[in-house]
């Protein structure tokens, strides 16, 4: 969008804190009950469940502290509101609740898409949108970037399901799920065509998401 790194670095750091908070809480015994993440003990396993809960709480609080410490412009206010929405029951937490209630059930495609859009996709899309706003994008450009981010979230989750033999694989089969991810990748790139060469880094990000093996 032609903006400077300095205008976005605080927002990027805040979103990464939110991301880490979500992973720590996602791994907790009451939610996904994971013992490892990327081959290492999850936080509640290495330390304790109470430490993990409080660490997640602290990271979320620190994120909004970073966002509000200075440069409190209209753009920043909008970004704060967007991130709060993404984390709330209208976003990540809402998707997580439906995911928990859907354990050990055969999911319809609509429910699966709801979970993926809210639990995973919303933070990815909001991160891209926040970057666009920070860079001074027009409203139509912001909308395109956000829509592209939603596609990135979809593709990420489908590939995740392929790697774990879950979700989309149970509905479409492994090959069908990958073809769906490819179709969504092509649609997403079409959204960014008006940006021309400026879209290269985002298209490369999407290609990485599609082809990742972990």
C-alpha atoms as a PDB file:
ATOM      1  CA  UNK A   1       0.000   0.000   0.000  1.00  0.00           C
ATOM      2  CA  UNK A   2       3.051   2.262  -0.065  1.00  0.00           C
ATOM      3  CA  UNK A   3       3.156   2.755   3.688  1.00  0.00           C
ATOM      4  CA  UNK A   4       6.253   2.628   5.895  1.00  0.00           C
ATOM      5  CA  UNK A   5       7.202  -0.255   8.190  1.00  0.00           C
ATOM      6  CA  UNK A   6       7.161   2.056  11.204  1.00  0.00           C
ATOM      7  CA  UNK A   7       3.421   2.651  10.815  1.00  0.00           C
ATOM      8  CA  UNK A   8       2.674  -1.071  11.058  1.00  0.00           C
ATOM      9  CA  UNK A   9       5.292  -2.584  13.383  1.00  0.00           C
ATOM     10  CA  UNK A  10       3.316  -2.058  16.612  1.00  0.00           C
ATOM     11  CA  UNK A  11       0.223  -3.568  15.016  1.00  0.00           C
ATOM     12  CA  UNK A  12       2.224  -6.540  13.713  1.00  0.00           C
ATOM     13  CA  UNK A  13       3.701  -7.190  17.163  1.00  0.00           C
ATOM     14  CA  UNK A  14       0.284  -6.956  18.800  1.00  0.00           C
ATOM     15  CA  UNK A  15      -1.240  -9.445  16.358  1.00  0.00           C
ATOM     16  CA  UNK A  16       1.617 -11.871  16.974  1.00  0.00           C
ATOM     17  CA  UNK A  17       0.928 -11.654  20.731  1.00  0.00           C
ATOM     18  CA  UNK A  18      -2.747 -12.397  20.057  1.00  0.00           C
ATOM     19  CA  UNK A  19      -1.713 -15.313  17.836  1.00  0.00           C
ATOM     20  CA  UNK A  20       0.496 -16.818  20.549  1.00  0.00           C
ATOM     21  CA  UNK A  21      -2.205 -16.348  23.179  1.00  0.00           C
ATOM     22  CA  UNK A  22      -4.621 -18.271  20.967  1.00  0.00           C
ATOM     23  CA  UNK A  23      -2.167 -21.151  20.469  1.00  0.00           C
ATOM     24  CA  UNK A  24      -1.454 -21.498  24.193  1.00  0.00           C
ATOM     25  CA  UNK A  25      -5.143 -21.588  25.088  1.00  0.00           C
ATOM     26  CA  UNK A  26      -5.947 -23.851  22.115  1.00  0.00           C
ATOM     27  CA  UNK A  27      -3.516 -26.457  23.487  1.00  0.00           C
ATOM     28  CA  UNK A  28      -5.052 -26.512  26.988  1.00  0.00           C
ATOM     29  CA  UNK A  29      -6.576 -29.749  28.351  1.00  0.00           C
ATOM     30  CA  UNK A  30     -10.058 -28.208  28.334  1.00  0.00           C
ATOM     31  CA  UNK A  31      -9.843 -27.425  24.620  1.00  0.00           C
ATOM     32  CA  UNK A  32      -7.572 -29.508  22.326  1.00  0.00           C
ATOM     33  CA  UNK A  33      -5.488 -31.129  25.068  1.00  0.00           C
ATOM     34  CA  UNK A  34      -2.269 -31.185  23.043  1.00  0.00           C
ATOM     35  CA  UNK A  35       0.986 -32.371  24.609  1.00  0.00           C
ATOM     36  CA  UNK A  36       3.258 -30.977  21.907  1.00  0.00           C
ATOM     37  CA  UNK A  37       3.393 -28.182  19.339  1.00  0.00           C
ATOM     38  CA  UNK A  38       5.984 -28.284  16.568  1.00  0.00           C
ATOM     39  CA  UNK A  39       7.698 -31.153  18.350  1.00  0.00           C
ATOM     40  CA  UNK A  40       8.113 -29.331  21.663  1.00  0.00           C
ATOM     41  CA  UNK A  41       6.082 -29.596  24.900  1.00  0.00           C
ATOM     42  CA  UNK A  42       3.088 -27.270  25.019  1.00  0.00           C
ATOM     43  CA  UNK A  43       3.262 -24.564  27.665  1.00  0.00           C
ATOM     44  CA  UNK A  44       0.925 -26.264  30.115  1.00  0.00           C
ATOM     45  CA  UNK A  45       2.986 -29.454  29.815  1.00  0.00           C
ATOM     46  CA  UNK A  46       6.339 -27.742  30.307  1.00  0.00           C
ATOM     47  CA  UNK A  47       5.120 -25.599  33.203  1.00  0.00           C
ATOM     48  CA  UNK A  48       1.533 -25.949  34.444  1.00  0.00           C
ATOM     49  CA  UNK A  49      -2.056 -25.440  33.322  1.00  0.00           C
ATOM     50  CA  UNK A  50      -2.486 -22.367  35.509  1.00  0.00           C
ATOM     51  CA  UNK A  51       0.719 -20.853  34.074  1.00  0.00           C
ATOM     52  CA  UNK A  52      -0.541 -21.450  30.536  1.00  0.00           C
ATOM     53  CA  UNK A  53      -3.926 -19.830  31.227  1.00  0.00           C
ATOM     54  CA  UNK A  54      -2.351 -16.764  32.827  1.00  0.00           C
ATOM     55  CA  UNK A  55       0.315 -16.490  30.124  1.00  0.00           C
ATOM     56  CA  UNK A  56      -2.372 -16.421  27.461  1.00  0.00           C
ATOM     57  CA  UNK A  57      -4.302 -13.787  29.411  1.00  0.00           C
ATOM     58  CA  UNK A  58      -1.147 -11.705  29.780  1.00  0.00           C
ATOM     59  CA  UNK A  59      -0.286 -11.873  26.069  1.00  0.00           C
ATOM     60  CA  UNK A  60      -3.771 -10.718  25.064  1.00  0.00           C
ATOM     61  CA  UNK A  61      -3.607  -7.827  27.537  1.00  0.00           C
ATOM     62  CA  UNK A  62      -0.134  -6.835  26.347  1.00  0.00           C
ATOM     63  CA  UNK A  63      -1.346  -6.829  22.748  1.00  0.00           C
ATOM     64  CA  UNK A  64      -3.943  -4.145  23.414  1.00  0.00           C
ATOM     65  CA  UNK A  65      -1.439  -2.261  25.566  1.00  0.00           C
ATOM     66  CA  UNK A  66       0.891  -2.032  22.566  1.00  0.00           C
ATOM     67  CA  UNK A  67      -1.938  -0.889  20.305  1.00  0.00           C
ATOM     68  CA  UNK A  68      -2.959   1.944  22.633  1.00  0.00           C
ATOM     69  CA  UNK A  69       0.399   3.229  23.922  1.00  0.00           C
ATOM     70  CA  UNK A  70       0.739   6.020  21.345  1.00  0.00           C
ATOM     71  CA  UNK A  71      -0.201   7.084  17.811  1.00  0.00           C
ATOM     72  CA  UNK A  72      -3.867   6.856  18.718  1.00  0.00           C
ATOM     73  CA  UNK A  73      -5.206   7.946  15.336  1.00  0.00           C
ATOM     74  CA  UNK A  74      -8.506   7.098  13.649  1.00  0.00           C
ATOM     75  CA  UNK A  75      -6.681   4.366  11.742  1.00  0.00           C
ATOM     76  CA  UNK A  76      -5.344   2.862  14.957  1.00  0.00           C
ATOM     77  CA  UNK A  77      -8.775   3.035  16.604  1.00  0.00           C
ATOM     78  CA  UNK A  78     -10.257   1.146  13.655  1.00  0.00           C
ATOM     79  CA  UNK A  79      -7.522  -1.498  13.814  1.00  0.00           C
ATOM     80  CA  UNK A  80      -8.064  -1.988  17.560  1.00  0.00           C
ATOM     81  CA  UNK A  81     -11.781  -2.463  16.972  1.00  0.00           C
ATOM     82  CA  UNK A  82     -11.125  -4.958  14.162  1.00  0.00           C
ATOM     83  CA  UNK A  83      -8.712  -7.022  16.266  1.00  0.00           C
ATOM     84  CA  UNK A  84     -11.101  -7.022  19.237  1.00  0.00           C
ATOM     85  CA  UNK A  85     -13.861  -8.261  16.927  1.00  0.00           C
ATOM     86  CA  UNK A  86     -11.578 -10.961  15.500  1.00  0.00           C
ATOM     87  CA  UNK A  87     -10.758 -12.290  18.978  1.00  0.00           C
ATOM     88  CA  UNK A  88     -14.296 -12.139  20.352  1.00  0.00           C
ATOM     89  CA  UNK A  89     -17.301 -14.456  20.256  1.00  0.00           C
ATOM     90  CA  UNK A  90     -17.909 -13.050  16.757  1.00  0.00           C
ATOM     91  CA  UNK A  91     -14.515 -14.417  15.694  1.00  0.00           C
ATOM     92  CA  UNK A  92     -11.913 -16.780  17.156  1.00  0.00           C
ATOM     93  CA  UNK A  93     -13.704 -17.607  20.401  1.00  0.00           C
ATOM     94  CA  UNK A  94     -16.999 -18.170  18.604  1.00  0.00           C
ATOM     95  CA  UNK A  95     -15.329 -20.548  16.167  1.00  0.00           C
ATOM     96  CA  UNK A  96     -13.548 -22.332  19.007  1.00  0.00           C
ATOM     97  CA  UNK A  97     -16.815 -22.875  20.897  1.00  0.00           C
ATOM     98  CA  UNK A  98     -18.517 -24.412  17.854  1.00  0.00           C
ATOM     99  CA  UNK A  99     -15.402 -26.541  17.284  1.00  0.00           C
ATOM    100  CA  UNK A 100     -15.529 -27.872  20.859  1.00  0.00           C
ATOM    101  CA  UNK A 101     -19.249 -28.623  20.586  1.00  0.00           C
ATOM    102  CA  UNK A 102     -18.633 -30.451  17.295  1.00  0.00           C
ATOM    103  CA  UNK A 103     -16.058 -32.923  18.647  1.00  0.00           C
ATOM    104  CA  UNK A 104     -16.695 -36.516  17.556  1.00  0.00           C
ATOM    105  CA  UNK A 105     -19.541 -35.445  15.281  1.00  0.00           C
ATOM    106  CA  UNK A 106     -19.906 -35.737  11.514  1.00  0.00           C
ATOM    107  CA  UNK A 107     -19.838 -32.121  10.401  1.00  0.00           C
ATOM    108  CA  UNK A 108     -21.825 -30.585   7.588  1.00  0.00           C
ATOM    109  CA  UNK A 109     -19.808 -28.406   5.229  1.00  0.00           C
ATOM    110  CA  UNK A 110     -21.530 -25.212   6.446  1.00  0.00           C
ATOM    111  CA  UNK A 111     -20.533 -25.890  10.060  1.00  0.00           C
ATOM    112  CA  UNK A 112     -16.984 -26.742   9.059  1.00  0.00           C
ATOM    113  CA  UNK A 113     -16.709 -23.519   7.086  1.00  0.00           C
ATOM    114  CA  UNK A 114     -18.062 -21.540  10.033  1.00  0.00           C
ATOM    115  CA  UNK A 115     -15.438 -23.020  12.355  1.00  0.00           C
ATOM    116  CA  UNK A 116     -12.622 -22.421   9.886  1.00  0.00           C
ATOM    117  CA  UNK A 117     -13.693 -18.878   9.027  1.00  0.00           C
ATOM    118  CA  UNK A 118     -13.964 -17.844  12.665  1.00  0.00           C
ATOM    119  CA  UNK A 119     -11.401 -19.947  14.507  1.00  0.00           C
ATOM    120  CA  UNK A 120      -8.554 -19.568  12.007  1.00  0.00           C
ATOM    121  CA  UNK A 121      -9.363 -17.340   9.066  1.00  0.00           C
ATOM    122  CA  UNK A 122     -10.521 -14.242  10.897  1.00  0.00           C
ATOM    123  CA  UNK A 123      -7.146 -13.467  12.495  1.00  0.00           C
ATOM    124  CA  UNK A 124      -5.281 -13.966   9.205  1.00  0.00           C
ATOM    125  CA  UNK A 125      -7.728 -11.729   7.348  1.00  0.00           C
ATOM    126  CA  UNK A 126      -7.649  -9.109  10.101  1.00  0.00           C
ATOM    127  CA  UNK A 127      -3.845  -9.069  10.096  1.00  0.00           C
ATOM    128  CA  UNK A 128      -3.796  -8.335   6.359  1.00  0.00           C
ATOM    129  CA  UNK A 129      -6.545  -5.751   6.740  1.00  0.00           C
ATOM    130  CA  UNK A 130      -4.639  -4.031   9.547  1.00  0.00           C
ATOM    131  CA  UNK A 131      -1.578  -3.807   7.322  1.00  0.00           C
ATOM    132  CA  UNK A 132      -3.625  -2.260   4.541  1.00  0.00           C
ATOM    133  CA  UNK A 133      -5.161   0.303   6.897  1.00  0.00           C
ATOM    134  CA  UNK A 134      -1.746   1.122   8.378  1.00  0.00           C
ATOM    135  CA  UNK A 135      -0.412   1.702   4.870  1.00  0.00           C
ATOM    136  CA  UNK A 136      -3.145   4.180   3.986  1.00  0.00           C
ATOM    137  CA  UNK A 137      -5.142   1.978   1.621  1.00  0.00           C
ATOM    138  CA  UNK A 138      -8.447   3.161   0.189  1.00  0.00           C
ATOM    139  CA  UNK A 139     -11.641   1.550   1.421  1.00  0.00           C
ATOM    140  CA  UNK A 140     -11.996  -0.570  -1.717  1.00  0.00           C
ATOM    141  CA  UNK A 141      -8.377  -1.719  -1.356  1.00  0.00           C
ATOM    142  CA  UNK A 142      -8.933  -2.624   2.296  1.00  0.00           C
ATOM    143  CA  UNK A 143     -11.970  -4.693   1.317  1.00  0.00           C
ATOM    144  CA  UNK A 144      -9.963  -6.563  -1.332  1.00  0.00           C
ATOM    145  CA  UNK A 145      -7.111  -7.288   1.055  1.00  0.00           C
ATOM    146  CA  UNK A 146      -9.509  -8.524   3.747  1.00  0.00           C
ATOM    147  CA  UNK A 147     -11.333 -10.765   1.276  1.00  0.00           C
ATOM    148  CA  UNK A 148      -8.002 -12.174   0.131  1.00  0.00           C
ATOM    149  CA  UNK A 149      -7.123 -12.831   3.780  1.00  0.00           C
ATOM    150  CA  UNK A 150     -10.300 -14.844   4.223  1.00  0.00           C
ATOM    151  CA  UNK A 151      -9.230 -17.037   1.308  1.00  0.00           C
ATOM    152  CA  UNK A 152      -5.783 -17.482   2.863  1.00  0.00           C
ATOM    153  CA  UNK A 153      -7.493 -18.675   6.039  1.00  0.00           C
ATOM    154  CA  UNK A 154      -9.611 -21.163   4.087  1.00  0.00           C
ATOM    155  CA  UNK A 155      -6.627 -22.571   2.224  1.00  0.00           C
ATOM    156  CA  UNK A 156      -4.570 -22.764   5.419  1.00  0.00           C
ATOM    157  CA  UNK A 157      -7.240 -24.796   7.184  1.00  0.00           C
ATOM    158  CA  UNK A 158      -7.869 -27.142   4.260  1.00  0.00           C
ATOM    159  CA  UNK A 159      -4.146 -27.910   4.030  1.00  0.00           C
ATOM    160  CA  UNK A 160      -4.123 -28.364   7.814  1.00  0.00           C
ATOM    161  CA  UNK A 161      -6.930 -30.906   7.433  1.00  0.00           C
ATOM    162  CA  UNK A 162      -5.007 -32.691   4.665  1.00  0.00           C
ATOM    163  CA  UNK A 163      -1.953 -32.965   6.913  1.00  0.00           C
ATOM    164  CA  UNK A 164      -4.070 -34.229   9.830  1.00  0.00           C
ATOM    165  CA  UNK A 165      -6.627 -36.247   7.795  1.00  0.00           C
ATOM    166  CA  UNK A 166      -9.449 -34.259   9.395  1.00  0.00           C
ATOM    167  CA  UNK A 167     -12.238 -31.869   8.423  1.00  0.00           C
ATOM    168  CA  UNK A 168     -12.289 -31.294   4.688  1.00  0.00           C
ATOM    169  CA  UNK A 169     -10.592 -34.638   4.012  1.00  0.00           C
ATOM    170  CA  UNK A 170     -13.504 -36.460   5.645  1.00  0.00           C
ATOM    171  CA  UNK A 171     -15.939 -34.635   3.371  1.00  0.00           C
ATOM    172  CA  UNK A 172     -14.023 -34.331   0.065  1.00  0.00           C
ATOM    173  CA  UNK A 173     -11.297 -36.977   0.401  1.00  0.00           C
ATOM    174  CA  UNK A 174      -7.594 -36.060   0.306  1.00  0.00           C
ATOM    175  CA  UNK A 175      -7.423 -35.351  -3.426  1.00  0.00           C
ATOM    176  CA  UNK A 176     -10.735 -33.510  -3.438  1.00  0.00           C
ATOM    177  CA  UNK A 177      -9.635 -31.342  -0.510  1.00  0.00           C
ATOM    178  CA  UNK A 178      -6.411 -30.374  -2.268  1.00  0.00           C
ATOM    179  CA  UNK A 179      -8.296 -29.512  -5.475  1.00  0.00           C
ATOM    180  CA  UNK A 180     -10.591 -27.291  -3.394  1.00  0.00           C
ATOM    181  CA  UNK A 181      -7.560 -25.564  -1.870  1.00  0.00           C
ATOM    182  CA  UNK A 182      -6.124 -24.989  -5.363  1.00  0.00           C
ATOM    183  CA  UNK A 183      -9.448 -23.586  -6.592  1.00  0.00           C
ATOM    184  CA  UNK A 184      -9.612 -21.150  -3.672  1.00  0.00           C
ATOM    185  CA  UNK A 185      -5.986 -20.152  -4.250  1.00  0.00           C
ATOM    186  CA  UNK A 186      -6.757 -19.191  -7.842  1.00  0.00           C
ATOM    187  CA  UNK A 187      -9.853 -17.235  -6.797  1.00  0.00           C
ATOM    188  CA  UNK A 188      -7.840 -15.388  -4.161  1.00  0.00           C
ATOM    189  CA  UNK A 189      -5.178 -14.337  -6.644  1.00  0.00           C
ATOM    190  CA  UNK A 190      -7.894 -12.962  -8.933  1.00  0.00           C
ATOM    191  CA  UNK A 191      -8.971 -10.620  -6.123  1.00  0.00           C
ATOM    192  CA  UNK A 192      -5.482  -9.088  -6.036  1.00  0.00           C
ATOM    193  CA  UNK A 193      -5.107  -8.541  -9.788  1.00  0.00           C
ATOM    194  CA  UNK A 194      -5.796  -4.769  -9.541  1.00  0.00           C
ATOM    195  CA  UNK A 195      -2.658  -4.430  -7.385  1.00  0.00           C
ATOM    196  CA  UNK A 196      -0.389  -5.750 -10.127  1.00  0.00           C
ATOM    197  CA  UNK A 197       3.215  -6.417  -9.060  1.00  0.00           C
ATOM    198  CA  UNK A 198       2.497  -5.078  -5.576  1.00  0.00           C
ATOM    199  CA  UNK A 199       0.565  -8.288  -4.909  1.00  0.00           C
ATOM    200  CA  UNK A 200       3.591 -10.542  -5.419  1.00  0.00           C
ATOM    201  CA  UNK A 201       4.443 -10.938  -1.727  1.00  0.00           C
ATOM    202  CA  UNK A 202       0.843 -11.794  -0.809  1.00  0.00           C
ATOM    203  CA  UNK A 203       0.552 -14.276  -3.672  1.00  0.00           C
ATOM    204  CA  UNK A 204       3.827 -15.856  -2.538  1.00  0.00           C
ATOM    205  CA  UNK A 205       2.403 -16.120   0.989  1.00  0.00           C
ATOM    206  CA  UNK A 206      -0.649 -17.913  -0.368  1.00  0.00           C
ATOM    207  CA  UNK A 207       1.490 -20.300  -2.439  1.00  0.00           C
ATOM    208  CA  UNK A 208       3.471 -21.162   0.698  1.00  0.00           C
ATOM    209  CA  UNK A 209       0.249 -21.869   2.599  1.00  0.00           C
ATOM    210  CA  UNK A 210      -0.989 -24.147  -0.198  1.00  0.00           C
ATOM    211  CA  UNK A 211       2.251 -26.114  -0.513  1.00  0.00           C
ATOM    212  CA  UNK A 212       3.344 -26.294   3.134  1.00  0.00           C
ATOM    213  CA  UNK A 213       4.094 -29.691   4.629  1.00  0.00           C
ATOM    214  CA  UNK A 214       3.839 -28.905   8.360  1.00  0.00           C
END
